[in-house]
Each structure stands twice: as C-alpha cells, then as structure tokens.
Amino acid sequence: MTASEREYQRLAAAVADWPVLIRRILDQHDATGTCRACTTPGGRMVIKAPCAPRFLAMQAQVINYERAELIGNHQ
C-alpha cells in the first residue's frame, strides 16, 4: 500500500465517524451516470459517477459497518 493509499484510508476512517455525513454525500452524489452534485450546470466538465466524494463515502460506510460488526460481536 502506498503512502497516498494509507492517507486515503485514514481519511475514510475519519469520515466513518460521521454516519450522517456519509448518508448526505451518498444522497447528493449519484451512483451511476453523471454526478449532478459535482457537475456544474452549463459547465464543460462532466463528472462521471461514482465521483470521488461518493467513492470516499462508500469506503467510509464499509468501515462504519465493519466497526459496528466488531462491536456487536464483542457484546
């Protein structure tokens, strides 16, 4: 794992602490097609989904679920 990948995982782990933020990002950033949240109306740049914010939120959601399973298994 590269240094950049480690930093990205640290960021996803930090975002995992905020499930409301995860939900908001997932709600606002499209899963398929063109990301409406990242593409400026009338803009030349079109961002294909899943965009970077959605991908980060998906990674954070996985971490959040894994943490919940660990806690549940140790109760």
C-alpha atoms as a PDB file:
ATOM      1  CA  MET A   1       0.000   0.000   0.000  1.00  0.00           C
ATOM      2  CA  THR A   2       1.389   3.382  -0.994  1.00  0.00           C
ATOM      3  CA  ALA A   3       1.585   6.404   1.281  1.00  0.00           C
ATOM      4  CA  SER A   4      -1.280   8.010  -0.666  1.00  0.00           C
ATOM      5  CA  GLU A   5      -3.432   4.930  -0.221  1.00  0.00           C
ATOM      6  CA  ARG A   6      -2.717   4.897   3.513  1.00  0.00           C
ATOM      7  CA  GLU A   7      -3.699   8.557   3.785  1.00  0.00           C
ATOM      8  CA  TYR A   8      -6.889   7.898   1.820  1.00  0.00           C
ATOM      9  CA  GLN A   9      -7.772   5.048   4.195  1.00  0.00           C
ATOM     10  CA  ARG A  10      -7.146   7.349   7.163  1.00  0.00           C
ATOM     11  CA  LEU A  11      -9.498   9.919   5.620  1.00  0.00           C
ATOM     12  CA  ALA A  12     -12.173   7.277   5.005  1.00  0.00           C
ATOM     13  CA  ALA A  13     -11.795   6.084   8.609  1.00  0.00           C
ATOM     14  CA  ALA A  14     -12.270   9.644   9.861  1.00  0.00           C
ATOM     15  CA  VAL A  15     -15.374  10.147   7.703  1.00  0.00           C
ATOM     16  CA  ALA A  16     -16.711   6.813   9.012  1.00  0.00           C
ATOM     17  CA  ASP A  17     -17.201   8.509  12.390  1.00  0.00           C
ATOM     18  CA  TRP A  18     -19.970  10.661  10.850  1.00  0.00           C
ATOM     19  CA  PRO A  19     -22.766   8.438   9.502  1.00  0.00           C
ATOM     20  CA  VAL A  20     -24.990  11.467   8.841  1.00  0.00           C
ATOM     21  CA  LEU A  21     -22.292  12.949   6.618  1.00  0.00           C
ATOM     22  CA  ILE A  22     -21.897   9.629   4.811  1.00  0.00           C
ATOM     23  CA  ARG A  23     -25.656   9.489   4.149  1.00  0.00           C
ATOM     24  CA  ARG A  24     -25.717  13.103   2.936  1.00  0.00           C
ATOM     25  CA  ILE A  25     -22.843  12.537   0.497  1.00  0.00           C
ATOM     26  CA  LEU A  26     -24.424   9.336  -0.803  1.00  0.00           C
ATOM     27  CA  ASP A  27     -27.787  11.085  -1.228  1.00  0.00           C
ATOM     28  CA  GLN A  28     -26.316  14.062  -3.100  1.00  0.00           C
ATOM     29  CA  HIS A  29     -23.769  12.303  -5.331  1.00  0.00           C
ATOM     30  CA  ASP A  30     -25.198   9.942  -7.947  1.00  0.00           C
ATOM     31  CA  ALA A  31     -24.216   6.274  -8.089  1.00  0.00           C
ATOM     32  CA  THR A  32     -24.396   5.979 -11.879  1.00  0.00           C
ATOM     33  CA  GLY A  33     -24.371   8.196 -14.948  1.00  0.00           C
ATOM     34  CA  THR A  34     -23.340  11.785 -14.384  1.00  0.00           C
ATOM     35  CA  CYS A  35     -22.891  13.134 -10.859  1.00  0.00           C
ATOM     36  CA  ARG A  36     -25.265  16.080 -10.575  1.00  0.00           C
ATOM     37  CA  ALA A  37     -23.589  17.344  -7.408  1.00  0.00           C
ATOM     38  CA  CYS A  38     -20.121  17.512  -8.985  1.00  0.00           C
ATOM     39  CA  THR A  39     -21.107  18.701 -12.456  1.00  0.00           C
ATOM     40  CA  THR A  40     -21.711  22.430 -12.688  1.00  0.00           C
ATOM     41  CA  PRO A  41     -24.867  23.228 -14.672  1.00  0.00           C
ATOM     42  CA  GLY A  42     -23.788  24.554 -18.051  1.00  0.00           C
ATOM     43  CA  GLY A  43     -20.204  23.593 -17.288  1.00  0.00           C
ATOM     44  CA  ARG A  44     -17.906  21.929 -19.747  1.00  0.00           C
ATOM     45  CA  MET A  45     -16.591  19.351 -17.295  1.00  0.00           C
ATOM     46  CA  VAL A  46     -18.847  16.377 -16.708  1.00  0.00           C
ATOM     47  CA  ILE A  47     -18.061  14.175 -13.729  1.00  0.00           C
ATOM     48  CA  LYS A  48     -18.993  10.537 -14.164  1.00  0.00           C
ATOM     49  CA  ALA A  49     -20.467   8.682 -11.235  1.00  0.00           C
ATOM     50  CA  PRO A  50     -19.371   7.387  -8.878  1.00  0.00           C
ATOM     51  CA  CYS A  51     -17.411  10.558  -8.221  1.00  0.00           C
ATOM     52  CA  ALA A  52     -14.569  10.908  -5.711  1.00  0.00           C
ATOM     53  CA  PRO A  53     -16.793  12.170  -2.837  1.00  0.00           C
ATOM     54  CA  ARG A  54     -19.242   9.281  -3.337  1.00  0.00           C
ATOM     55  CA  PHE A  55     -16.422   6.740  -3.530  1.00  0.00           C
ATOM     56  CA  LEU A  56     -14.968   8.107  -0.286  1.00  0.00           C
ATOM     57  CA  ALA A  57     -18.383   7.920   1.388  1.00  0.00           C
ATOM     58  CA  MET A  58     -18.813   4.333   0.206  1.00  0.00           C
ATOM     59  CA  GLN A  59     -15.421   3.414   1.684  1.00  0.00           C
ATOM     60  CA  ALA A  60     -16.329   5.169   4.940  1.00  0.00           C
ATOM     61  CA  GLN A  61     -19.649   3.310   5.035  1.00  0.00           C
ATOM     62  CA  VAL A  62     -17.850  -0.037   4.752  1.00  0.00           C
ATOM     63  CA  ILE A  63     -15.540   0.941   7.613  1.00  0.00           C
ATOM     64  CA  ASN A  64     -18.548   2.056   9.664  1.00  0.00           C
ATOM     65  CA  TYR A  65     -20.299  -1.302   9.094  1.00  0.00           C
ATOM     66  CA  GLU A  66     -17.137  -3.243   9.928  1.00  0.00           C
ATOM     67  CA  ARG A  67     -16.764  -1.312  13.188  1.00  0.00           C
ATOM     68  CA  ALA A  68     -20.394  -1.982  14.078  1.00  0.00           C
ATOM     69  CA  GLU A  69     -19.927  -5.713  13.451  1.00  0.00           C
ATOM     70  CA  LEU A  70     -16.848  -5.781  15.685  1.00  0.00           C
ATOM     71  CA  ILE A  71     -18.692  -4.041  18.487  1.00  0.00           C
ATOM     72  CA  GLY A  72     -21.708  -6.299  18.037  1.00  0.00           C
ATOM     73  CA  ASN A  73     -19.574  -9.407  18.125  1.00  0.00           C
ATOM     74  CA  HIS A  74     -17.925  -8.388  21.391  1.00  0.00           C
ATOM     75  CA  GLN A  75     -21.027  -7.516  23.390  1.00  0.00           C
END
